[in-house]
Amino acid sequence: MYGLKRVLKFIQSFDASTSGQISWKLLSTLLCLLDAPVPNQIELHKYAEDLQNRSENGYIEAEAFSRVI
């Protein structure tokens, strides 16, 4: 899938302090997002409209938010 060299370069790009370490939580999240589909403009507009329609006074409950995604 991904070679070791590519994974190491990926990890290095998120080491802002150049300490040679990053958070395991950040790494886990980034690896999950690596193959995640990126929405196009039409999909983003639809999500924004759905959130707007479900919000009250600019806020949205967690349950309603999870239904949009």
PDB file of N, CA and C in Angstrom:
ATOM      1  N   MET A   1       0.829  -1.190   0.000  1.00  0.00           N
ATOM      2  CA  MET A   1       0.000   0.000   0.000  1.00  0.00           C
ATOM      3  C   MET A   1       0.875   1.255   0.000  1.00  0.00           C
ATOM      4  N   TYR A   2       1.539   1.535   1.121  1.00  0.00           N
ATOM      5  CA  TYR A   2       2.444   2.677   1.196  1.00  0.00           C
ATOM      6  C   TYR A   2       3.798   2.167   1.678  1.00  0.00           C
ATOM      7  N   GLY A   3       4.841   2.620   1.021  1.00  0.00           N
ATOM      8  CA  GLY A   3       6.175   2.194   1.412  1.00  0.00           C
ATOM      9  C   GLY A   3       6.629   2.884   2.692  1.00  0.00           C
ATOM     10  N   LEU A   4       7.598   2.301   3.355  1.00  0.00           N
ATOM     11  CA  LEU A   4       8.120   2.843   4.599  1.00  0.00           C
ATOM     12  C   LEU A   4       8.650   4.260   4.411  1.00  0.00           C
ATOM     13  N   LYS A   5       9.341   4.502   3.310  1.00  0.00           N
ATOM     14  CA  LYS A   5       9.905   5.829   3.049  1.00  0.00           C
ATOM     15  C   LYS A   5       8.801   6.887   2.965  1.00  0.00           C
ATOM     16  N   ARG A   6       7.705   6.550   2.308  1.00  0.00           N
ATOM     17  CA  ARG A   6       6.597   7.487   2.165  1.00  0.00           C
ATOM     18  C   ARG A   6       5.922   7.752   3.519  1.00  0.00           C
ATOM     19  N   VAL A   7       5.746   6.709   4.326  1.00  0.00           N
ATOM     20  CA  VAL A   7       5.134   6.863   5.652  1.00  0.00           C
ATOM     21  C   VAL A   7       6.015   7.723   6.545  1.00  0.00           C
ATOM     22  N   LEU A   8       7.323   7.487   6.530  1.00  0.00           N
ATOM     23  CA  LEU A   8       8.238   8.283   7.352  1.00  0.00           C
ATOM     24  C   LEU A   8       8.248   9.752   6.928  1.00  0.00           C
ATOM     25  N   LYS A   9       8.200   9.998   5.643  1.00  0.00           N
ATOM     26  CA  LYS A   9       8.149  11.379   5.151  1.00  0.00           C
ATOM     27  C   LYS A   9       6.841  12.043   5.577  1.00  0.00           C
ATOM     28  N   PHE A  10       5.761  11.291   5.527  1.00  0.00           N
ATOM     29  CA  PHE A  10       4.446  11.773   5.953  1.00  0.00           C
ATOM     30  C   PHE A  10       4.489  12.162   7.431  1.00  0.00           C
ATOM     31  N   ILE A  11       5.054  11.300   8.270  1.00  0.00           N
ATOM     32  CA  ILE A  11       5.146  11.568   9.706  1.00  0.00           C
ATOM     33  C   ILE A  11       6.036  12.781   9.962  1.00  0.00           C
ATOM     34  N   GLN A  12       7.139  12.862   9.264  1.00  0.00           N
ATOM     35  CA  GLN A  12       8.084  13.963   9.451  1.00  0.00           C
ATOM     36  C   GLN A  12       7.441  15.309   9.132  1.00  0.00           C
ATOM     37  N   SER A  13       6.545  15.346   8.168  1.00  0.00           N
ATOM     38  CA  SER A  13       5.912  16.609   7.795  1.00  0.00           C
ATOM     39  C   SER A  13       4.996  17.151   8.879  1.00  0.00           C
ATOM     40  N   PHE A  14       4.614  16.321   9.857  1.00  0.00           N
ATOM     41  CA  PHE A  14       3.748  16.774  10.944  1.00  0.00           C
ATOM     42  C   PHE A  14       4.504  16.951  12.261  1.00  0.00           C
ATOM     43  N   ASP A  15       5.811  16.899  12.208  1.00  0.00           N
ATOM     44  CA  ASP A  15       6.642  17.117  13.393  1.00  0.00           C
ATOM     45  C   ASP A  15       7.098  18.569  13.393  1.00  0.00           C
ATOM     46  N   ALA A  16       6.234  19.456  13.888  1.00  0.00           N
ATOM     47  CA  ALA A  16       6.494  20.898  13.830  1.00  0.00           C
ATOM     48  C   ALA A  16       7.726  21.301  14.637  1.00  0.00           C
ATOM     49  N   SER A  17       7.967  20.625  15.740  1.00  0.00           N
ATOM     50  CA  SER A  17       9.089  20.996  16.600  1.00  0.00           C
ATOM     51  C   SER A  17      10.383  20.281  16.223  1.00  0.00           C
ATOM     52  N   THR A  18      10.360  19.494  15.175  1.00  0.00           N
ATOM     53  CA  THR A  18      11.495  18.682  14.713  1.00  0.00           C
ATOM     54  C   THR A  18      12.140  17.892  15.854  1.00  0.00           C
ATOM     55  N   SER A  19      11.295  17.370  16.729  1.00  0.00           N
ATOM     56  CA  SER A  19      11.778  16.571  17.850  1.00  0.00           C
ATOM     57  C   SER A  19      11.910  15.101  17.479  1.00  0.00           C
ATOM     58  N   GLY A  20      11.371  14.743  16.323  1.00  0.00           N
ATOM     59  CA  GLY A  20      11.392  13.350  15.907  1.00  0.00           C
ATOM     60  C   GLY A  20      10.210  12.566  16.428  1.00  0.00           C
ATOM     61  N   GLN A  21       9.251  13.274  17.033  1.00  0.00           N
ATOM     62  CA  GLN A  21       8.086  12.605  17.607  1.00  0.00           C
ATOM     63  C   GLN A  21       6.817  13.373  17.263  1.00  0.00           C
ATOM     64  N   ILE A  22       5.710  12.638  17.115  1.00  0.00           N
ATOM     65  CA  ILE A  22       4.394  13.251  17.022  1.00  0.00           C
ATOM     66  C   ILE A  22       3.450  12.428  17.888  1.00  0.00           C
ATOM     67  N   SER A  23       2.334  13.008  18.218  1.00  0.00           N
ATOM     68  CA  SER A  23       1.347  12.341  19.052  1.00  0.00           C
ATOM     69  C   SER A  23       0.794  11.107  18.342  1.00  0.00           C
ATOM     70  N   TRP A  24       0.645  10.011  19.056  1.00  0.00           N
ATOM     71  CA  TRP A  24       0.082   8.799  18.462  1.00  0.00           C
ATOM     72  C   TRP A  24      -1.368   9.035  18.060  1.00  0.00           C
ATOM     73  N   LYS A  25      -2.070   9.918  18.779  1.00  0.00           N
ATOM     74  CA  LYS A  25      -3.456  10.232  18.417  1.00  0.00           C
ATOM     75  C   LYS A  25      -3.493  10.961  17.070  1.00  0.00           C
ATOM     76  N   LEU A  26      -2.567  11.911  16.897  1.00  0.00           N
ATOM     77  CA  LEU A  26      -2.487  12.630  15.626  1.00  0.00           C
ATOM     78  C   LEU A  26      -2.132  11.668  14.500  1.00  0.00           C
ATOM     79  N   LEU A  27      -1.168  10.806  14.727  1.00  0.00           N
ATOM     80  CA  LEU A  27      -0.759   9.840  13.702  1.00  0.00           C
ATOM     81  C   LEU A  27      -1.919   8.922  13.325  1.00  0.00           C
ATOM     82  N   SER A  28      -2.650   8.432  14.308  1.00  0.00           N
ATOM     83  CA  SER A  28      -3.796   7.556  14.036  1.00  0.00           C
ATOM     84  C   SER A  28      -4.843   8.273  13.203  1.00  0.00           C
ATOM     85  N   THR A  29      -5.132   9.514  13.576  1.00  0.00           N
ATOM     86  CA  THR A  29      -6.115  10.299  12.826  1.00  0.00           C
ATOM     87  C   THR A  29      -5.657  10.524  11.393  1.00  0.00           C
ATOM     88  N   LEU A  30      -4.405  10.897  11.221  1.00  0.00           N
ATOM     89  CA  LEU A  30      -3.883  11.175   9.881  1.00  0.00           C
ATOM     90  C   LEU A  30      -3.871   9.935   9.000  1.00  0.00           C
ATOM     91  N   LEU A  31      -3.529   8.789   9.575  1.00  0.00           N
ATOM     92  CA  LEU A  31      -3.528   7.551   8.797  1.00  0.00           C
ATOM     93  C   LEU A  31      -4.944   7.170   8.370  1.00  0.00           C
ATOM     94  N   CYS A  32      -5.921   7.427   9.234  1.00  0.00           N
ATOM     95  CA  CYS A  32      -7.314   7.158   8.860  1.00  0.00           C
ATOM     96  C   CYS A  32      -7.764   8.084   7.738  1.00  0.00           C
ATOM     97  N   LEU A  33      -7.311   9.335   7.796  1.00  0.00           N
ATOM     98  CA  LEU A  33      -7.718  10.316   6.786  1.00  0.00           C
ATOM     99  C   LEU A  33      -6.949  10.179   5.475  1.00  0.00           C
ATOM    100  N   LEU A  34      -5.854   9.447   5.483  1.00  0.00           N
ATOM    101  CA  LEU A  34      -4.999   9.320   4.307  1.00  0.00           C
ATOM    102  C   LEU A  34      -5.768   8.821   3.083  1.00  0.00           C
ATOM    103  N   ASP A  35      -6.646   7.858   3.271  1.00  0.00           N
ATOM    104  CA  ASP A  35      -7.422   7.312   2.160  1.00  0.00           C
ATOM    105  C   ASP A  35      -8.880   7.770   2.167  1.00  0.00           C
ATOM    106  N   ALA A  36      -9.205   8.735   3.023  1.00  0.00           N
ATOM    107  CA  ALA A  36     -10.582   9.219   3.100  1.00  0.00           C
ATOM    108  C   ALA A  36     -10.915  10.028   1.841  1.00  0.00           C
ATOM    109  N   PRO A  37     -12.127   9.881   1.331  1.00  0.00           N
ATOM    110  CA  PRO A  37     -12.513  10.656   0.158  1.00  0.00           C
ATOM    111  C   PRO A  37     -12.647  12.141   0.501  1.00  0.00           C
ATOM    112  N   VAL A  38     -12.239  12.989  -0.398  1.00  0.00           N
ATOM    113  CA  VAL A  38     -12.333  14.435  -0.208  1.00  0.00           C
ATOM    114  C   VAL A  38     -13.581  14.914  -0.943  1.00  0.00           C
ATOM    115  N   PRO A  39     -14.487  15.618  -0.240  1.00  0.00           N
ATOM    116  CA  PRO A  39     -15.714  16.059  -0.902  1.00  0.00           C
ATOM    117  C   PRO A  39     -15.434  17.157  -1.934  1.00  0.00           C
ATOM    118  N   ASN A  40     -16.249  17.170  -2.982  1.00  0.00           N
ATOM    119  CA  ASN A  40     -16.112  18.233  -3.980  1.00  0.00           C
ATOM    120  C   ASN A  40     -16.942  19.448  -3.547  1.00  0.00           C
ATOM    121  N   GLN A  41     -16.918  20.510  -4.321  1.00  0.00           N
ATOM    122  CA  GLN A  41     -17.615  21.753  -3.977  1.00  0.00           C
ATOM    123  C   GLN A  41     -19.123  21.551  -3.829  1.00  0.00           C
ATOM    124  N   ILE A  42     -19.707  20.737  -4.678  1.00  0.00           N
ATOM    125  CA  ILE A  42     -21.150  20.490  -4.623  1.00  0.00           C
ATOM    126  C   ILE A  42     -21.513  19.791  -3.316  1.00  0.00           C
ATOM    127  N   GLU A  43     -20.735  18.787  -2.930  1.00  0.00           N
ATOM    128  CA  GLU A  43     -20.989  18.074  -1.679  1.00  0.00           C
ATOM    129  C   GLU A  43     -20.806  18.996  -0.471  1.00  0.00           C
ATOM    130  N   LEU A  44     -19.764  19.822  -0.497  1.00  0.00           N
ATOM    131  CA  LEU A  44     -19.540  20.760   0.601  1.00  0.00           C
ATOM    132  C   LEU A  44     -20.694  21.741   0.737  1.00  0.00           C
ATOM    133  N   HIS A  45     -21.185  22.218  -0.388  1.00  0.00           N
ATOM    134  CA  HIS A  45     -22.321  23.156  -0.376  1.00  0.00           C
ATOM    135  C   HIS A  45     -23.553  22.468   0.211  1.00  0.00           C
ATOM    136  N   LYS A  46     -23.784  21.214  -0.155  1.00  0.00           N
ATOM    137  CA  LYS A  46     -24.914  20.457   0.372  1.00  0.00           C
ATOM    138  C   LYS A  46     -24.796  20.280   1.880  1.00  0.00           C
ATOM    139  N   TYR A  47     -23.589  19.925   2.375  1.00  0.00           N
ATOM    140  CA  TYR A  47     -23.376  19.769   3.817  1.00  0.00           C
ATOM    141  C   TYR A  47     -23.641  21.085   4.544  1.00  0.00           C
ATOM    142  N   ALA A  48     -23.143  22.179   3.977  1.00  0.00           N
ATOM    143  CA  ALA A  48     -23.338  23.490   4.600  1.00  0.00           C
ATOM    144  C   ALA A  48     -24.826  23.844   4.671  1.00  0.00           C
ATOM    145  N   GLU A  49     -25.560  23.577   3.605  1.00  0.00           N
ATOM    146  CA  GLU A  49     -27.001  23.842   3.600  1.00  0.00           C
ATOM    147  C   GLU A  49     -27.724  22.984   4.630  1.00  0.00           C
ATOM    148  N   ASP A  50     -27.360  21.695   4.691  1.00  0.00           N
ATOM    149  CA  ASP A  50     -27.980  20.800   5.672  1.00  0.00           C
ATOM    150  C   ASP A  50     -27.720  21.267   7.099  1.00  0.00           C
ATOM    151  N   LEU A  51     -26.492  21.695   7.376  1.00  0.00           N
ATOM    152  CA  LEU A  51     -26.164  22.191   8.710  1.00  0.00           C
ATOM    153  C   LEU A  51     -26.951  23.462   9.021  1.00  0.00           C
ATOM    154  N   GLN A  52     -27.043  24.334   8.043  1.00  0.00           N
ATOM    155  CA  GLN A  52     -27.795  25.586   8.223  1.00  0.00           C
ATOM    156  C   GLN A  52     -29.258  25.286   8.519  1.00  0.00           C
ATOM    157  N   ASN A  53     -29.839  24.326   7.798  1.00  0.00           N
ATOM    158  CA  ASN A  53     -31.247  23.988   7.986  1.00  0.00           C
ATOM    159  C   ASN A  53     -31.513  23.331   9.338  1.00  0.00           C
ATOM    160  N   ARG A  54     -30.541  22.629   9.879  1.00  0.00           N
ATOM    161  CA  ARG A  54     -30.727  21.927  11.151  1.00  0.00           C
ATOM    162  C   ARG A  54     -30.330  22.758  12.366  1.00  0.00           C
ATOM    163  N   SER A  55     -29.723  23.912  12.146  1.00  0.00           N
ATOM    164  CA  SER A  55     -29.233  24.714  13.268  1.00  0.00           C
ATOM    165  C   SER A  55     -30.334  25.607  13.826  1.00  0.00           C
ATOM    166  N   GLU A  56     -30.172  25.923  15.098  1.00  0.00           N
ATOM    167  CA  GLU A  56     -31.053  26.868  15.765  1.00  0.00           C
ATOM    168  C   GLU A  56     -30.179  27.944  16.388  1.00  0.00           C
ATOM    169  N   ASN A  57     -30.388  29.193  15.991  1.00  0.00           N
ATOM    170  CA  ASN A  57     -29.601  30.322  16.496  1.00  0.00           C
ATOM    171  C   ASN A  57     -28.105  30.144  16.241  1.00  0.00           C
ATOM    172  N   GLY A  58     -27.755  29.493  15.152  1.00  0.00           N
ATOM    173  CA  GLY A  58     -26.352  29.311  14.798  1.00  0.00           C
ATOM    174  C   GLY A  58     -25.680  28.115  15.436  1.00  0.00           C
ATOM    175  N   TYR A  59     -26.422  27.360  16.266  1.00  0.00           N
ATOM    176  CA  TYR A  59     -25.863  26.188  16.930  1.00  0.00           C
ATOM    177  C   TYR A  59     -26.589  24.939  16.461  1.00  0.00           C
ATOM    178  N   ILE A  60     -25.898  23.815  16.528  1.00  0.00           N
ATOM    179  CA  ILE A  60     -26.506  22.555  16.118  1.00  0.00           C
ATOM    180  C   ILE A  60     -26.171  21.491  17.161  1.00  0.00           C
ATOM    181  N   GLU A  61     -27.150  20.678  17.482  1.00  0.00           N
ATOM    182  CA  GLU A  61     -26.944  19.590  18.444  1.00  0.00           C
ATOM    183  C   GLU A  61     -26.090  18.496  17.809  1.00  0.00           C
ATOM    184  N   ALA A  62     -25.379  17.750  18.628  1.00  0.00           N
ATOM    185  CA  ALA A  62     -24.476  16.705  18.144  1.00  0.00           C
ATOM    186  C   ALA A  62     -25.233  15.652  17.339  1.00  0.00           C
ATOM    187  N   GLU A  63     -26.422  15.274  17.780  1.00  0.00           N
ATOM    188  CA  GLU A  63     -27.196  14.248  17.082  1.00  0.00           C
ATOM    189  C   GLU A  63     -27.581  14.710  15.675  1.00  0.00           C
ATOM    190  N   ALA A  64     -28.024  15.951  15.558  1.00  0.00           N
ATOM    191  CA  ALA A  64     -28.379  16.492  14.240  1.00  0.00           C
ATOM    192  C   ALA A  64     -27.153  16.600  13.344  1.00  0.00           C
ATOM    193  N   PHE A  65     -26.017  16.985  13.930  1.00  0.00           N
ATOM    194  CA  PHE A  65     -24.780  17.094  13.161  1.00  0.00           C
ATOM    195  C   PHE A  65     -24.369  15.746  12.595  1.00  0.00           C
ATOM    196  N   SER A  66     -24.480  14.703  13.402  1.00  0.00           N
ATOM    197  CA  SER A  66     -24.065  13.373  12.932  1.00  0.00           C
ATOM    198  C   SER A  66     -24.947  12.865  11.804  1.00  0.00           C
ATOM    199  N   ARG A  67     -26.166  13.341  11.707  1.00  0.00           N
ATOM    200  CA  ARG A  67     -27.052  12.920  10.609  1.00  0.00           C
ATOM    201  C   ARG A  67     -26.660  13.582   9.292  1.00  0.00           C
ATOM    202  N   VAL A  68     -26.056  14.763   9.356  1.00  0.00           N
ATOM    203  CA  VAL A  68     -25.641  15.475   8.140  1.00  0.00           C
ATOM    204  C   VAL A  68     -24.481  14.750   7.480  1.00  0.00           C
ATOM    205  N   ILE A  69     -23.544  14.309   8.257  1.00  0.00           N
ATOM    206  CA  ILE A  69     -22.360  13.635   7.737  1.00  0.00           C
ATOM    207  C   ILE A  69     -22.734  12.230   7.387  1.00  0.00           C
TER     208      ILE A  69
END
